[in-house]
Each structure stands twice: as C-alpha cells, then as structure tokens.
C-alpha cells in the first residue's frame, strides 16, 4: 500500500489501495480480461472506474471469488433431466418411413433423360 502524505483531503499516512488493471486481475483469477470487463460492465463484478478504465483492488478480487463460489450439494450429485418419451397418437403406427436424401442438382442435371435448362 502507498500512502499520500500531505495529499489534499486525505489523512496523513492513510494508505491508498493498490489498483490492478483488468488484465492483471484476470491473470490472478485465471480468466480472460474480456470476461472480467464484461462482468464489471454488467454490474456483476465489483470494480472501480478510474480514467475510464476498470480497476480492481484485492478486496474486489476476493469478492469476485466469493460471488462465483459454488457450495457442495447435500443431497448428492444432480441427476440430468430425462427427455420425455414421444409416443405415437392412438391409431397411428409406431413405424416411421425412412427418408432418403435427394440427389444434388448437378447430379440430376447430368442424368440421362433430364431436360437441360
């Protein structure tokens, strides 16, 4: 921490927090600077704006870590949802006709008996 002895409006010896750029803070958080700036811009990450740039203190970085923390589930691992089984309507056969892809136009154009445009 730096102190500003004799700075106007400050107590003598009051520490000034160290401000990190978005790139430096992102390196500490092991994320991209782009993501960190987006989170700050959207109001989801605490930050300070000085000179139009996003700046982060150690307290801001610790708060971001706490905000992103996920606690363990007491009930056990989450089970992924099962897709509903589609059933045919009554009276409709369960079989589906197989579909075949059409031949490309250039292949159909070269076929004997086709009319050239």
N, C-alpha and C. Protein backbone atom coordinates (compact mmCIF):
# COMPACT_ATOMS: atom_id res chain seq x y z
N UNK A 1 0.83 -1.17 0.00
CA UNK A 1 0.00 0.00 0.00
C UNK A 1 0.88 1.25 0.00
N UNK A 2 0.46 2.25 -0.74
CA UNK A 2 1.16 3.52 -0.77
C UNK A 2 0.45 4.49 0.15
N UNK A 3 1.16 5.47 0.65
CA UNK A 3 0.47 6.50 1.43
C UNK A 3 0.72 7.85 0.78
N UNK A 4 -0.26 8.71 0.93
CA UNK A 4 -0.16 10.04 0.35
C UNK A 4 -0.01 11.05 1.48
N UNK A 5 1.19 11.26 1.89
CA UNK A 5 1.43 12.22 2.97
C UNK A 5 1.21 13.62 2.42
N UNK A 6 0.29 14.33 3.02
CA UNK A 6 0.01 15.70 2.62
C UNK A 6 -0.90 15.85 1.43
N UNK A 7 -1.52 14.78 0.94
CA UNK A 7 -2.45 14.88 -0.18
C UNK A 7 -3.71 15.60 0.29
N UNK A 8 -4.25 16.51 -0.52
CA UNK A 8 -5.44 17.24 -0.08
C UNK A 8 -6.61 16.31 0.16
N UNK A 9 -7.32 16.52 1.28
CA UNK A 9 -8.49 15.72 1.60
C UNK A 9 -8.18 14.36 2.19
N UNK A 10 -6.95 14.05 2.46
CA UNK A 10 -6.57 12.74 2.99
C UNK A 10 -5.86 12.93 4.32
N UNK A 11 -6.08 11.98 5.21
CA UNK A 11 -5.33 11.99 6.45
C UNK A 11 -3.88 11.64 6.15
N UNK A 12 -2.99 12.24 6.89
CA UNK A 12 -1.58 11.93 6.67
C UNK A 12 -1.34 10.47 7.08
N UNK A 13 -0.74 9.72 6.19
CA UNK A 13 -0.44 8.32 6.46
C UNK A 13 -1.57 7.36 6.10
N UNK A 14 -2.67 7.84 5.50
CA UNK A 14 -3.76 6.95 5.11
C UNK A 14 -3.32 6.15 3.88
N UNK A 15 -3.46 4.83 3.93
CA UNK A 15 -2.99 4.01 2.80
C UNK A 15 -3.94 4.12 1.60
N UNK A 16 -3.37 4.06 0.42
CA UNK A 16 -4.12 4.05 -0.83
C UNK A 16 -4.08 2.61 -1.35
N UNK A 17 -5.23 2.04 -1.65
CA UNK A 17 -5.22 0.65 -2.12
C UNK A 17 -4.54 0.52 -3.48
N UNK A 18 -3.90 -0.59 -3.69
CA UNK A 18 -3.27 -0.88 -4.97
C UNK A 18 -4.38 -1.25 -5.94
N UNK A 19 -4.37 -0.63 -7.12
CA UNK A 19 -5.37 -0.91 -8.16
C UNK A 19 -4.72 -1.73 -9.26
N UNK A 20 -5.40 -2.81 -9.62
CA UNK A 20 -4.92 -3.68 -10.69
C UNK A 20 -5.76 -3.45 -11.93
N UNK A 21 -5.13 -3.54 -13.10
CA UNK A 21 -5.87 -3.43 -14.35
C UNK A 21 -6.70 -4.70 -14.55
N UNK A 22 -7.59 -4.66 -15.53
CA UNK A 22 -8.41 -5.83 -15.81
C UNK A 22 -7.54 -7.01 -16.23
N UNK A 23 -6.48 -6.73 -16.98
CA UNK A 23 -5.59 -7.82 -17.42
C UNK A 23 -4.86 -8.45 -16.23
N UNK A 24 -4.40 -7.62 -15.29
CA UNK A 24 -3.69 -8.14 -14.12
C UNK A 24 -4.64 -8.93 -13.21
N UNK A 25 -5.85 -8.38 -13.01
CA UNK A 25 -6.84 -9.08 -12.17
C UNK A 25 -7.28 -10.38 -12.84
N UNK A 26 -7.44 -10.35 -14.15
CA UNK A 26 -7.84 -11.57 -14.87
C UNK A 26 -6.77 -12.64 -14.76
N UNK A 27 -5.53 -12.24 -14.76
CA UNK A 27 -4.43 -13.20 -14.61
C UNK A 27 -4.51 -13.86 -13.23
N UNK A 28 -4.82 -13.04 -12.20
CA UNK A 28 -4.94 -13.60 -10.85
C UNK A 28 -6.13 -14.55 -10.74
N UNK A 29 -7.23 -14.22 -11.43
CA UNK A 29 -8.44 -15.05 -11.38
C UNK A 29 -8.40 -16.19 -12.39
N UNK A 30 -7.39 -16.19 -13.24
CA UNK A 30 -7.24 -17.20 -14.30
C UNK A 30 -8.47 -17.21 -15.22
N UNK A 31 -8.82 -16.02 -15.68
CA UNK A 31 -9.92 -15.87 -16.65
C UNK A 31 -9.44 -14.84 -17.67
N UNK A 32 -10.28 -14.54 -18.64
CA UNK A 32 -9.88 -13.56 -19.65
C UNK A 32 -10.24 -12.16 -19.18
N UNK A 33 -9.46 -11.20 -19.62
CA UNK A 33 -9.74 -9.80 -19.30
C UNK A 33 -11.07 -9.39 -19.91
N UNK A 34 -11.39 -9.91 -21.08
CA UNK A 34 -12.66 -9.61 -21.73
C UNK A 34 -13.83 -10.01 -20.83
N UNK A 35 -13.79 -11.21 -20.26
CA UNK A 35 -14.87 -11.69 -19.40
C UNK A 35 -14.98 -10.82 -18.15
N UNK A 36 -13.85 -10.48 -17.56
CA UNK A 36 -13.85 -9.69 -16.34
C UNK A 36 -14.42 -8.30 -16.60
N UNK A 37 -14.03 -7.67 -17.72
CA UNK A 37 -14.59 -6.36 -18.05
C UNK A 37 -16.08 -6.44 -18.34
N UNK A 38 -16.52 -7.51 -18.97
CA UNK A 38 -17.95 -7.68 -19.25
C UNK A 38 -18.74 -7.83 -17.96
N UNK A 39 -18.22 -8.62 -17.02
CA UNK A 39 -18.89 -8.79 -15.73
C UNK A 39 -18.95 -7.46 -14.98
N UNK A 40 -17.87 -6.67 -15.03
CA UNK A 40 -17.85 -5.37 -14.38
C UNK A 40 -18.84 -4.41 -15.05
N UNK A 41 -18.85 -4.40 -16.37
CA UNK A 41 -19.75 -3.53 -17.12
C UNK A 41 -21.20 -3.86 -16.85
N UNK A 42 -21.52 -5.15 -16.71
CA UNK A 42 -22.90 -5.59 -16.45
C UNK A 42 -23.28 -5.48 -14.98
N UNK A 43 -22.34 -5.06 -14.12
CA UNK A 43 -22.63 -4.87 -12.70
C UNK A 43 -22.59 -6.14 -11.88
N UNK A 44 -21.98 -7.20 -12.40
CA UNK A 44 -21.90 -8.46 -11.68
C UNK A 44 -20.57 -8.66 -10.97
N UNK A 45 -19.63 -7.74 -11.17
CA UNK A 45 -18.33 -7.85 -10.51
C UNK A 45 -17.98 -6.48 -9.92
N UNK A 46 -17.58 -6.44 -8.64
CA UNK A 46 -17.21 -5.15 -8.05
C UNK A 46 -15.94 -4.62 -8.69
N UNK A 47 -15.89 -3.31 -8.87
CA UNK A 47 -14.74 -2.69 -9.53
C UNK A 47 -14.73 -1.20 -9.24
N UNK A 48 -13.68 -0.53 -9.71
CA UNK A 48 -13.55 0.92 -9.64
C UNK A 48 -13.22 1.40 -11.03
N UNK A 49 -13.82 2.51 -11.43
CA UNK A 49 -13.50 3.10 -12.74
C UNK A 49 -12.66 4.33 -12.52
N UNK A 50 -11.45 4.31 -13.02
CA UNK A 50 -10.58 5.48 -12.95
C UNK A 50 -10.08 5.77 -14.35
N UNK A 51 -10.32 6.99 -14.79
CA UNK A 51 -9.87 7.36 -16.13
C UNK A 51 -10.54 6.55 -17.22
N UNK A 52 -11.74 6.04 -16.97
CA UNK A 52 -12.47 5.26 -17.96
C UNK A 52 -12.05 3.80 -18.03
N UNK A 53 -11.10 3.40 -17.18
CA UNK A 53 -10.63 2.02 -17.20
C UNK A 53 -11.14 1.29 -15.97
N UNK A 54 -11.38 0.00 -16.11
CA UNK A 54 -11.80 -0.83 -14.99
C UNK A 54 -10.57 -1.15 -14.15
N UNK A 55 -10.67 -0.90 -12.84
CA UNK A 55 -9.58 -1.21 -11.92
C UNK A 55 -10.14 -2.06 -10.79
N UNK A 56 -9.31 -2.93 -10.25
CA UNK A 56 -9.73 -3.88 -9.23
C UNK A 56 -8.75 -3.86 -8.06
N UNK A 57 -9.28 -3.85 -6.84
CA UNK A 57 -8.45 -3.96 -5.65
C UNK A 57 -8.41 -5.43 -5.23
N UNK A 58 -7.59 -5.71 -4.24
CA UNK A 58 -7.52 -7.08 -3.71
C UNK A 58 -8.89 -7.47 -3.13
N UNK A 59 -9.57 -6.52 -2.50
CA UNK A 59 -10.90 -6.79 -1.93
C UNK A 59 -11.91 -7.10 -3.04
N UNK A 60 -11.82 -6.38 -4.16
CA UNK A 60 -12.70 -6.66 -5.29
C UNK A 60 -12.48 -8.08 -5.82
N UNK A 61 -11.23 -8.45 -5.96
CA UNK A 61 -10.91 -9.78 -6.48
C UNK A 61 -11.41 -10.87 -5.54
N UNK A 62 -11.24 -10.65 -4.22
CA UNK A 62 -11.74 -11.62 -3.24
C UNK A 62 -13.26 -11.71 -3.30
N UNK A 63 -13.93 -10.57 -3.51
CA UNK A 63 -15.39 -10.58 -3.61
C UNK A 63 -15.86 -11.32 -4.85
N UNK A 64 -15.14 -11.16 -5.96
CA UNK A 64 -15.50 -11.88 -7.19
C UNK A 64 -15.39 -13.38 -6.97
N UNK A 65 -14.34 -13.81 -6.28
CA UNK A 65 -14.17 -15.23 -5.98
C UNK A 65 -15.32 -15.73 -5.12
N UNK A 66 -15.70 -14.94 -4.09
CA UNK A 66 -16.82 -15.34 -3.22
C UNK A 66 -18.13 -15.39 -3.98
N UNK A 67 -18.34 -14.45 -4.92
CA UNK A 67 -19.58 -14.43 -5.69
C UNK A 67 -19.71 -15.65 -6.60
N UNK A 68 -18.58 -16.16 -7.08
CA UNK A 68 -18.60 -17.29 -8.01
C UNK A 68 -18.49 -18.64 -7.31
N UNK A 69 -18.41 -18.62 -5.99
CA UNK A 69 -18.24 -19.86 -5.23
C UNK A 69 -19.50 -20.71 -5.31
N UNK A 70 -19.33 -22.00 -5.49
CA UNK A 70 -20.44 -22.95 -5.54
C UNK A 70 -20.25 -23.92 -4.39
N UNK A 71 -21.26 -24.04 -3.54
CA UNK A 71 -21.14 -24.95 -2.41
C UNK A 71 -21.57 -26.36 -2.83
N UNK A 72 -21.11 -27.34 -2.09
CA UNK A 72 -21.43 -28.73 -2.40
C UNK A 72 -22.89 -29.01 -2.10
N UNK A 73 -23.47 -29.90 -2.87
CA UNK A 73 -24.86 -30.27 -2.68
C UNK A 73 -24.96 -31.31 -1.56
N UNK A 74 -25.91 -31.12 -0.67
CA UNK A 74 -26.09 -32.04 0.45
C UNK A 74 -26.77 -33.32 -0.01
N UNK A 75 -27.62 -33.21 -1.02
CA UNK A 75 -28.41 -34.36 -1.47
C UNK A 75 -27.65 -35.29 -2.40
N UNK A 76 -26.48 -34.89 -2.84
CA UNK A 76 -25.71 -35.74 -3.74
C UNK A 76 -25.62 -35.10 -5.12
N UNK A 77 -25.06 -35.82 -6.07
CA UNK A 77 -24.90 -35.24 -7.40
C UNK A 77 -26.24 -35.03 -8.08
N UNK A 78 -26.29 -33.99 -8.88
CA UNK A 78 -27.52 -33.70 -9.62
C UNK A 78 -27.70 -34.72 -10.74
N UNK A 79 -28.93 -35.15 -10.94
CA UNK A 79 -29.25 -36.09 -11.99
C UNK A 79 -29.76 -35.29 -13.19
N UNK A 80 -29.18 -35.49 -14.35
CA UNK A 80 -29.64 -34.73 -15.51
C UNK A 80 -31.09 -35.09 -15.83
N UNK A 81 -31.88 -34.11 -16.29
CA UNK A 81 -33.27 -34.40 -16.61
C UNK A 81 -33.36 -35.37 -17.78
N UNK A 82 -34.36 -36.23 -17.73
CA UNK A 82 -34.57 -37.22 -18.77
C UNK A 82 -35.55 -36.64 -19.78
N UNK A 83 -35.21 -36.77 -21.05
CA UNK A 83 -36.10 -36.27 -22.09
C UNK A 83 -37.38 -37.10 -22.11
N UNK A 84 -38.53 -36.46 -22.31
CA UNK A 84 -39.77 -37.22 -22.34
C UNK A 84 -39.81 -38.16 -23.55
N UNK A 85 -40.43 -39.29 -23.36
CA UNK A 85 -40.54 -40.28 -24.44
C UNK A 85 -41.71 -39.87 -25.32
N UNK A 86 -41.45 -39.73 -26.61
CA UNK A 86 -42.53 -39.36 -27.53
C UNK A 86 -43.27 -40.63 -27.95
N UNK A 87 -44.53 -40.61 -27.78
CA UNK A 87 -45.36 -41.75 -28.15
C UNK A 87 -46.27 -41.35 -29.29
N UNK A 88 -46.55 -42.29 -30.15
CA UNK A 88 -47.44 -42.02 -31.28
C UNK A 88 -48.87 -41.87 -30.78
N UNK A 89 -49.65 -41.08 -31.50
CA UNK A 89 -51.05 -40.90 -31.15
C UNK A 89 -51.80 -42.21 -31.37
N UNK A 90 -52.92 -42.42 -30.68
CA UNK A 90 -53.68 -43.66 -30.87
C UNK A 90 -54.11 -43.81 -32.33
N UNK A 91 -53.93 -44.99 -32.85
CA UNK A 91 -54.32 -45.29 -34.22
C UNK A 91 -53.23 -45.01 -35.23
N UNK A 92 -52.10 -44.43 -34.82
CA UNK A 92 -51.00 -44.13 -35.73
C UNK A 92 -49.94 -45.21 -35.53
N UNK A 93 -49.47 -45.81 -36.62
CA UNK A 93 -48.46 -46.86 -36.46
C UNK A 93 -47.17 -46.30 -35.85
N UNK A 94 -46.46 -47.16 -35.10
CA UNK A 94 -45.23 -46.76 -34.45
C UNK A 94 -44.05 -46.65 -35.42
N UNK A 95 -44.19 -47.21 -36.61
CA UNK A 95 -43.08 -47.18 -37.56
C UNK A 95 -43.08 -45.86 -38.31
N UNK A 96 -41.90 -45.38 -38.57
CA UNK A 96 -41.72 -44.14 -39.31
C UNK A 96 -41.07 -44.50 -40.63
N UNK A 97 -41.58 -43.97 -41.73
CA UNK A 97 -40.95 -44.30 -43.01
C UNK A 97 -39.54 -43.71 -43.07
N UNK A 98 -38.62 -44.45 -43.64
CA UNK A 98 -37.25 -43.99 -43.78
C UNK A 98 -37.18 -42.94 -44.87
N UNK A 99 -36.45 -41.88 -44.61
CA UNK A 99 -36.29 -40.81 -45.58
C UNK A 99 -34.97 -40.97 -46.29
N UNK A 100 -34.99 -40.63 -47.58
CA UNK A 100 -33.76 -40.69 -48.37
C UNK A 100 -33.46 -39.30 -48.89
N UNK A 101 -32.20 -38.95 -48.89
CA UNK A 101 -31.78 -37.64 -49.39
C UNK A 101 -31.92 -37.59 -50.90
N UNK A 102 -32.26 -36.43 -51.42
CA UNK A 102 -32.34 -36.26 -52.87
C UNK A 102 -30.94 -36.12 -53.43
N UNK A 103 -30.80 -36.45 -54.66
CA UNK A 103 -29.52 -36.29 -55.33
C UNK A 103 -29.26 -34.80 -55.54
N UNK A 104 -28.02 -34.36 -55.51
CA UNK A 104 -27.72 -32.95 -55.77
C UNK A 104 -28.17 -32.54 -57.17
N UNK A 105 -28.48 -31.27 -57.36
CA UNK A 105 -28.97 -30.79 -58.65
C UNK A 105 -27.98 -31.06 -59.77
N UNK A 106 -26.70 -30.86 -59.48
CA UNK A 106 -25.72 -31.08 -60.56
C UNK A 106 -25.71 -32.54 -61.00
N UNK A 107 -25.97 -33.46 -60.06
CA UNK A 107 -26.02 -34.88 -60.42
C UNK A 107 -27.30 -35.18 -61.19
N UNK A 108 -28.39 -34.51 -60.83
CA UNK A 108 -29.65 -34.74 -61.55
C UNK A 108 -29.57 -34.14 -62.94
N UNK A 109 -28.85 -33.05 -63.10
CA UNK A 109 -28.72 -32.40 -64.41
C UNK A 109 -27.97 -33.30 -65.37
N UNK A 110 -27.02 -34.07 -64.85
CA UNK A 110 -26.19 -34.93 -65.70
C UNK A 110 -26.86 -36.26 -65.99
N UNK A 111 -28.04 -36.51 -65.39
CA UNK A 111 -28.71 -37.79 -65.58
C UNK A 111 -29.28 -37.88 -67.00
N UNK A 112 -29.23 -39.07 -67.59
CA UNK A 112 -29.82 -39.22 -68.93
C UNK A 112 -31.34 -39.03 -68.82
N UNK A 113 -31.90 -38.34 -69.80
CA UNK A 113 -33.33 -38.12 -69.83
C UNK A 113 -33.77 -36.86 -69.10
N UNK A 114 -32.81 -36.14 -68.54
CA UNK A 114 -33.19 -34.89 -67.88
C UNK A 114 -33.18 -33.77 -68.89
N UNK A 115 -34.00 -32.78 -68.66
CA UNK A 115 -34.11 -31.66 -69.58
C UNK A 115 -33.14 -30.58 -69.12
N UNK A 116 -32.28 -30.16 -70.02
CA UNK A 116 -31.31 -29.13 -69.69
C UNK A 116 -31.99 -27.77 -69.77
N UNK A 117 -31.73 -26.93 -68.80
CA UNK A 117 -32.38 -25.60 -68.78
C UNK A 117 -31.55 -24.57 -69.45
